[in-house]
Amino acid sequence: MADIEKVLEEITEWIRKLIEALLGPGAQPEPELIPIPVKDPKRPR
């Protein structure tokens, strides 16, 4: 019975590590895009 409990603990730990690896340390917001000015050659001055 103790062997089964040990195996279950190891599986639980492995699953916890897998979930942490997939989800990462925390939800990080996406970086905000910086607008880049572009000259429009189609417009006459």
N, C-alpha and C. Protein backbone atom coordinates (compact mmCIF):
# COMPACT_ATOMS: atom_id res chain seq x y z
N MET A 1 0.82 -1.19 0.00
CA MET A 1 0.00 0.00 0.00
C MET A 1 0.87 1.26 0.00
N ALA A 2 1.98 1.22 0.71
CA ALA A 2 2.86 2.38 0.78
C ALA A 2 3.49 2.65 -0.58
N ASP A 3 3.74 1.58 -1.36
CA ASP A 3 4.32 1.77 -2.68
C ASP A 3 3.37 2.51 -3.61
N ILE A 4 2.08 2.17 -3.51
CA ILE A 4 1.08 2.85 -4.34
C ILE A 4 0.99 4.32 -3.98
N GLU A 5 1.03 4.65 -2.71
CA GLU A 5 0.99 6.04 -2.27
C GLU A 5 2.21 6.80 -2.76
N LYS A 6 3.37 6.17 -2.73
CA LYS A 6 4.59 6.81 -3.20
C LYS A 6 4.51 7.10 -4.69
N VAL A 7 4.00 6.13 -5.45
CA VAL A 7 3.85 6.32 -6.91
C VAL A 7 2.86 7.45 -7.19
N LEU A 8 1.74 7.47 -6.45
CA LEU A 8 0.76 8.54 -6.64
C LEU A 8 1.35 9.92 -6.32
N GLU A 9 2.17 10.00 -5.28
CA GLU A 9 2.82 11.27 -4.94
C GLU A 9 3.77 11.72 -6.05
N GLU A 10 4.51 10.78 -6.61
CA GLU A 10 5.43 11.12 -7.69
C GLU A 10 4.68 11.56 -8.93
N ILE A 11 3.58 10.89 -9.24
CA ILE A 11 2.78 11.29 -10.40
C ILE A 11 2.17 12.67 -10.19
N THR A 12 1.69 12.93 -8.98
CA THR A 12 1.12 14.24 -8.66
C THR A 12 2.17 15.34 -8.81
N GLU A 13 3.36 15.08 -8.32
CA GLU A 13 4.45 16.07 -8.44
C GLU A 13 4.80 16.31 -9.90
N TRP A 14 4.86 15.24 -10.69
CA TRP A 14 5.18 15.36 -12.12
C TRP A 14 4.12 16.18 -12.84
N ILE A 15 2.86 15.92 -12.53
CA ILE A 15 1.76 16.67 -13.16
C ILE A 15 1.83 18.14 -12.76
N ARG A 16 2.14 18.43 -11.50
CA ARG A 16 2.25 19.82 -11.04
C ARG A 16 3.36 20.55 -11.80
N LYS A 17 4.50 19.88 -11.97
CA LYS A 17 5.60 20.50 -12.70
C LYS A 17 5.24 20.71 -14.16
N LEU A 18 4.51 19.77 -14.75
CA LEU A 18 4.09 19.90 -16.14
C LEU A 18 3.14 21.08 -16.31
N ILE A 19 2.20 21.23 -15.41
CA ILE A 19 1.26 22.35 -15.48
C ILE A 19 1.99 23.67 -15.31
N GLU A 20 2.93 23.75 -14.39
CA GLU A 20 3.70 24.98 -14.19
C GLU A 20 4.51 25.31 -15.44
N ALA A 21 5.07 24.29 -16.10
CA ALA A 21 5.85 24.53 -17.31
C ALA A 21 4.97 25.02 -18.45
N LEU A 22 3.77 24.48 -18.54
CA LEU A 22 2.87 24.89 -19.63
C LEU A 22 2.29 26.28 -19.39
N LEU A 23 1.92 26.57 -18.17
CA LEU A 23 1.29 27.84 -17.87
C LEU A 23 2.30 28.94 -17.57
N GLY A 24 3.50 28.58 -17.24
CA GLY A 24 4.52 29.58 -16.93
C GLY A 24 4.37 30.08 -15.50
N PRO A 25 5.26 30.97 -15.09
CA PRO A 25 5.24 31.46 -13.72
C PRO A 25 4.01 32.31 -13.41
N GLY A 26 3.46 32.95 -14.42
CA GLY A 26 2.27 33.77 -14.22
C GLY A 26 1.83 34.35 -15.56
N ALA A 27 0.61 34.79 -15.60
CA ALA A 27 0.11 35.37 -16.84
C ALA A 27 0.79 36.70 -17.08
N GLN A 28 1.42 36.84 -18.20
CA GLN A 28 2.13 38.07 -18.55
C GLN A 28 1.33 38.79 -19.63
N PRO A 29 1.09 40.10 -19.46
CA PRO A 29 0.36 40.82 -20.50
C PRO A 29 1.21 40.94 -21.77
N GLU A 30 0.54 40.96 -22.90
CA GLU A 30 1.26 41.12 -24.16
C GLU A 30 1.84 42.52 -24.22
N PRO A 31 3.04 42.66 -24.79
CA PRO A 31 3.62 44.00 -24.88
C PRO A 31 2.78 44.89 -25.81
N GLU A 32 2.68 46.16 -25.44
CA GLU A 32 1.90 47.09 -26.23
C GLU A 32 2.72 47.51 -27.46
N LEU A 33 2.08 47.51 -28.61
CA LEU A 33 2.77 47.87 -29.84
C LEU A 33 3.06 49.36 -29.87
N ILE A 34 4.21 49.72 -30.40
CA ILE A 34 4.61 51.11 -30.51
C ILE A 34 4.34 51.56 -31.94
N PRO A 35 3.53 52.61 -32.12
CA PRO A 35 3.26 53.07 -33.49
C PRO A 35 4.52 53.66 -34.12
N ILE A 36 4.77 53.29 -35.36
CA ILE A 36 5.93 53.78 -36.09
C ILE A 36 5.44 54.70 -37.20
N PRO A 37 5.87 55.97 -37.21
CA PRO A 37 5.42 56.86 -38.27
C PRO A 37 6.00 56.42 -39.63
N VAL A 38 5.15 56.45 -40.63
CA VAL A 38 5.57 56.05 -41.97
C VAL A 38 5.22 57.18 -42.92
N LYS A 39 6.16 57.56 -43.76
CA LYS A 39 5.91 58.60 -44.75
C LYS A 39 5.06 58.01 -45.86
N ASP A 40 4.02 58.75 -46.24
CA ASP A 40 3.12 58.28 -47.29
C ASP A 40 3.49 59.00 -48.59
N PRO A 41 4.16 58.35 -49.53
CA PRO A 41 4.60 59.02 -50.76
C PRO A 41 3.45 59.32 -51.72
N LYS A 42 2.27 58.81 -51.50
CA LYS A 42 1.13 59.03 -52.38
C LYS A 42 0.50 60.41 -52.18
N ARG A 43 0.71 61.03 -51.05
CA ARG A 43 0.11 62.32 -50.76
C ARG A 43 0.96 63.45 -51.34
N PRO A 44 0.35 64.31 -52.12
CA PRO A 44 1.10 65.50 -52.61
C PRO A 44 1.22 66.51 -51.48
N ARG A 45 2.30 67.25 -51.49
CA ARG A 45 2.50 68.27 -50.45
C ARG A 45 1.94 69.59 -50.88
